[in-house]
């Protein structure tokens, strides 16, 4: 939908298990996010990925509509 603001954030702390089971990360999709949320996540996600990493597969992603 044009004009709708959104923010998608995800954090992965380890590679998925070979059997595909388990929780290796989490994410959220926010429609009409507070104006401070993107900056707060840009500052905290790299730190969280580093501190919570269980293996080299730890990473984060942050995307928005603008």
N, C-alpha and C. Protein backbone atom coordinates (compact mmCIF):
# COMPACT_ATOMS: atom_id res chain seq x y z
N UNK A 1 0.84 -1.17 0.00
CA UNK A 1 0.00 0.00 0.00
C UNK A 1 0.89 1.24 0.00
N UNK A 2 0.68 2.12 -0.94
CA UNK A 2 1.47 3.34 -0.99
C UNK A 2 1.23 4.22 0.24
N UNK A 3 2.30 4.82 0.71
CA UNK A 3 2.18 5.74 1.83
C UNK A 3 2.19 5.10 3.20
N UNK A 4 2.20 3.78 3.27
CA UNK A 4 2.23 3.10 4.57
C UNK A 4 3.68 2.88 4.97
N UNK A 5 4.05 3.35 6.15
CA UNK A 5 5.40 3.17 6.65
C UNK A 5 5.51 1.81 7.35
N UNK A 6 6.65 1.15 7.17
CA UNK A 6 6.87 -0.14 7.84
C UNK A 6 8.35 -0.28 8.16
N UNK A 7 8.63 -1.20 9.06
CA UNK A 7 9.99 -1.50 9.50
C UNK A 7 10.08 -3.00 9.74
N UNK A 8 11.11 -3.64 9.19
CA UNK A 8 11.31 -5.08 9.39
C UNK A 8 12.69 -5.29 10.01
N UNK A 9 12.73 -5.90 11.17
CA UNK A 9 13.99 -6.17 11.87
C UNK A 9 14.07 -7.66 12.18
N UNK A 10 15.27 -8.23 12.02
CA UNK A 10 15.47 -9.62 12.39
C UNK A 10 16.84 -9.80 13.01
N UNK A 11 16.94 -10.77 13.89
CA UNK A 11 18.17 -11.10 14.60
C UNK A 11 18.32 -12.61 14.61
N UNK A 12 19.44 -13.09 14.11
CA UNK A 12 19.75 -14.51 14.09
C UNK A 12 20.99 -14.71 14.96
N UNK A 13 20.92 -15.66 15.90
CA UNK A 13 22.04 -15.87 16.82
C UNK A 13 22.88 -17.09 16.47
N UNK A 14 22.37 -17.98 15.60
CA UNK A 14 23.14 -19.16 15.20
C UNK A 14 22.58 -19.72 13.91
N UNK A 15 23.37 -20.57 13.28
CA UNK A 15 22.91 -21.29 12.09
C UNK A 15 21.81 -22.27 12.49
N UNK A 16 20.84 -22.53 11.61
CA UNK A 16 19.82 -23.53 11.91
C UNK A 16 20.45 -24.91 12.09
N UNK A 17 19.85 -25.72 12.95
CA UNK A 17 20.33 -27.09 13.16
C UNK A 17 20.15 -27.89 11.88
N UNK A 18 20.97 -28.93 11.68
CA UNK A 18 20.85 -29.75 10.47
C UNK A 18 19.45 -30.34 10.27
N UNK A 19 18.74 -30.63 11.36
CA UNK A 19 17.39 -31.18 11.22
C UNK A 19 16.34 -30.10 11.01
N UNK A 20 16.76 -28.81 11.06
CA UNK A 20 15.83 -27.72 10.83
C UNK A 20 14.99 -27.33 12.03
N UNK A 21 15.18 -28.02 13.14
CA UNK A 21 14.37 -27.74 14.33
C UNK A 21 15.06 -26.72 15.22
N UNK A 22 14.29 -26.06 16.04
CA UNK A 22 14.83 -25.10 17.00
C UNK A 22 14.62 -23.67 16.57
N UNK A 23 14.85 -22.77 17.48
CA UNK A 23 14.71 -21.35 17.22
C UNK A 23 16.10 -20.74 17.12
N UNK A 24 16.46 -20.25 15.95
CA UNK A 24 17.80 -19.68 15.75
C UNK A 24 17.77 -18.17 15.61
N UNK A 25 16.58 -17.59 15.61
CA UNK A 25 16.47 -16.14 15.49
C UNK A 25 15.05 -15.69 15.68
N UNK A 26 14.87 -14.40 15.51
CA UNK A 26 13.56 -13.81 15.70
C UNK A 26 13.48 -12.55 14.87
N UNK A 27 12.28 -12.08 14.65
CA UNK A 27 12.10 -10.86 13.88
C UNK A 27 10.77 -10.21 14.19
N UNK A 28 10.63 -9.00 13.68
CA UNK A 28 9.36 -8.30 13.83
C UNK A 28 9.14 -7.41 12.62
N UNK A 29 7.88 -7.25 12.28
CA UNK A 29 7.46 -6.39 11.18
C UNK A 29 6.49 -5.39 11.80
N UNK A 30 6.84 -4.11 11.75
CA UNK A 30 6.05 -3.07 12.41
C UNK A 30 5.46 -2.14 11.36
N UNK A 31 4.16 -1.98 11.36
CA UNK A 31 3.48 -1.03 10.49
C UNK A 31 3.31 0.27 11.27
N UNK A 32 3.66 1.38 10.64
CA UNK A 32 3.62 2.70 11.26
C UNK A 32 4.47 2.74 12.54
N UNK A 33 5.77 2.44 12.41
CA UNK A 33 6.64 2.40 13.59
C UNK A 33 6.85 3.79 14.19
N UNK A 34 7.13 3.85 15.48
CA UNK A 34 7.48 5.13 16.09
C UNK A 34 8.72 5.69 15.39
N UNK A 35 8.83 6.99 15.30
CA UNK A 35 9.90 7.60 14.52
C UNK A 35 11.28 7.33 15.10
N UNK A 36 11.38 6.94 16.36
CA UNK A 36 12.68 6.66 16.99
C UNK A 36 13.11 5.19 16.88
N UNK A 37 12.21 4.32 16.45
CA UNK A 37 12.51 2.88 16.48
C UNK A 37 13.65 2.49 15.54
N UNK A 38 13.67 3.00 14.33
CA UNK A 38 14.71 2.60 13.39
C UNK A 38 16.10 2.98 13.90
N UNK A 39 16.26 4.17 14.41
CA UNK A 39 17.57 4.59 14.94
C UNK A 39 17.97 3.74 16.13
N UNK A 40 17.02 3.42 17.00
CA UNK A 40 17.32 2.59 18.16
C UNK A 40 17.76 1.19 17.74
N UNK A 41 17.10 0.63 16.74
CA UNK A 41 17.48 -0.70 16.26
C UNK A 41 18.81 -0.67 15.52
N UNK A 42 19.08 0.39 14.77
CA UNK A 42 20.37 0.51 14.08
C UNK A 42 21.52 0.54 15.08
N UNK A 43 21.28 1.11 16.24
CA UNK A 43 22.31 1.18 17.27
C UNK A 43 22.43 -0.12 18.06
N UNK A 44 21.34 -0.82 18.28
CA UNK A 44 21.37 -1.98 19.17
C UNK A 44 21.53 -3.33 18.47
N UNK A 45 21.04 -3.49 17.26
CA UNK A 45 21.11 -4.80 16.60
C UNK A 45 22.54 -5.30 16.38
N UNK A 46 23.49 -4.47 15.94
CA UNK A 46 24.86 -4.98 15.79
C UNK A 46 25.44 -5.48 17.12
N UNK A 47 25.19 -4.76 18.18
CA UNK A 47 25.67 -5.15 19.50
C UNK A 47 25.01 -6.46 19.94
N UNK A 48 23.70 -6.56 19.75
CA UNK A 48 22.99 -7.78 20.14
C UNK A 48 23.50 -8.99 19.35
N UNK A 49 23.72 -8.82 18.05
CA UNK A 49 24.22 -9.92 17.22
C UNK A 49 25.59 -10.38 17.72
N UNK A 50 26.42 -9.44 18.14
CA UNK A 50 27.77 -9.79 18.63
C UNK A 50 27.70 -10.47 20.00
N UNK A 51 26.94 -9.92 20.91
CA UNK A 51 26.89 -10.43 22.28
C UNK A 51 26.14 -11.76 22.37
N UNK A 52 25.08 -11.92 21.59
CA UNK A 52 24.27 -13.14 21.67
C UNK A 52 24.71 -14.24 20.71
N UNK A 53 25.72 -13.96 19.89
CA UNK A 53 26.16 -14.93 18.88
C UNK A 53 26.54 -16.26 19.52
N UNK A 54 26.03 -17.34 18.92
CA UNK A 54 26.38 -18.69 19.36
C UNK A 54 27.32 -19.37 18.37
N UNK A 55 27.41 -18.83 17.16
CA UNK A 55 28.32 -19.33 16.15
C UNK A 55 28.50 -18.25 15.08
N UNK A 56 29.33 -18.51 14.07
CA UNK A 56 29.57 -17.48 13.04
C UNK A 56 28.34 -17.11 12.21
N UNK A 57 27.24 -17.82 12.36
CA UNK A 57 26.02 -17.51 11.61
C UNK A 57 25.21 -16.38 12.19
N UNK A 58 25.65 -15.78 13.28
CA UNK A 58 24.90 -14.69 13.90
C UNK A 58 24.90 -13.47 12.97
N UNK A 59 23.73 -12.85 12.84
CA UNK A 59 23.61 -11.68 11.96
C UNK A 59 22.31 -10.94 12.30
N UNK A 60 22.15 -9.79 11.67
CA UNK A 60 20.93 -9.02 11.84
C UNK A 60 20.57 -8.40 10.50
N UNK A 61 19.33 -7.98 10.37
CA UNK A 61 18.87 -7.27 9.17
C UNK A 61 17.86 -6.23 9.59
N UNK A 62 17.88 -5.11 8.89
CA UNK A 62 16.96 -4.02 9.18
C UNK A 62 16.57 -3.39 7.84
N UNK A 63 15.29 -3.34 7.57
CA UNK A 63 14.79 -2.75 6.32
C UNK A 63 13.57 -1.91 6.64
N UNK A 64 13.36 -0.88 5.83
CA UNK A 64 12.20 -0.02 6.06
C UNK A 64 11.67 0.52 4.73
N UNK A 65 10.49 1.09 4.80
CA UNK A 65 9.88 1.66 3.61
C UNK A 65 10.42 3.04 3.30
N UNK A 66 11.23 3.58 4.19
CA UNK A 66 11.81 4.88 3.89
C UNK A 66 11.94 5.80 5.02
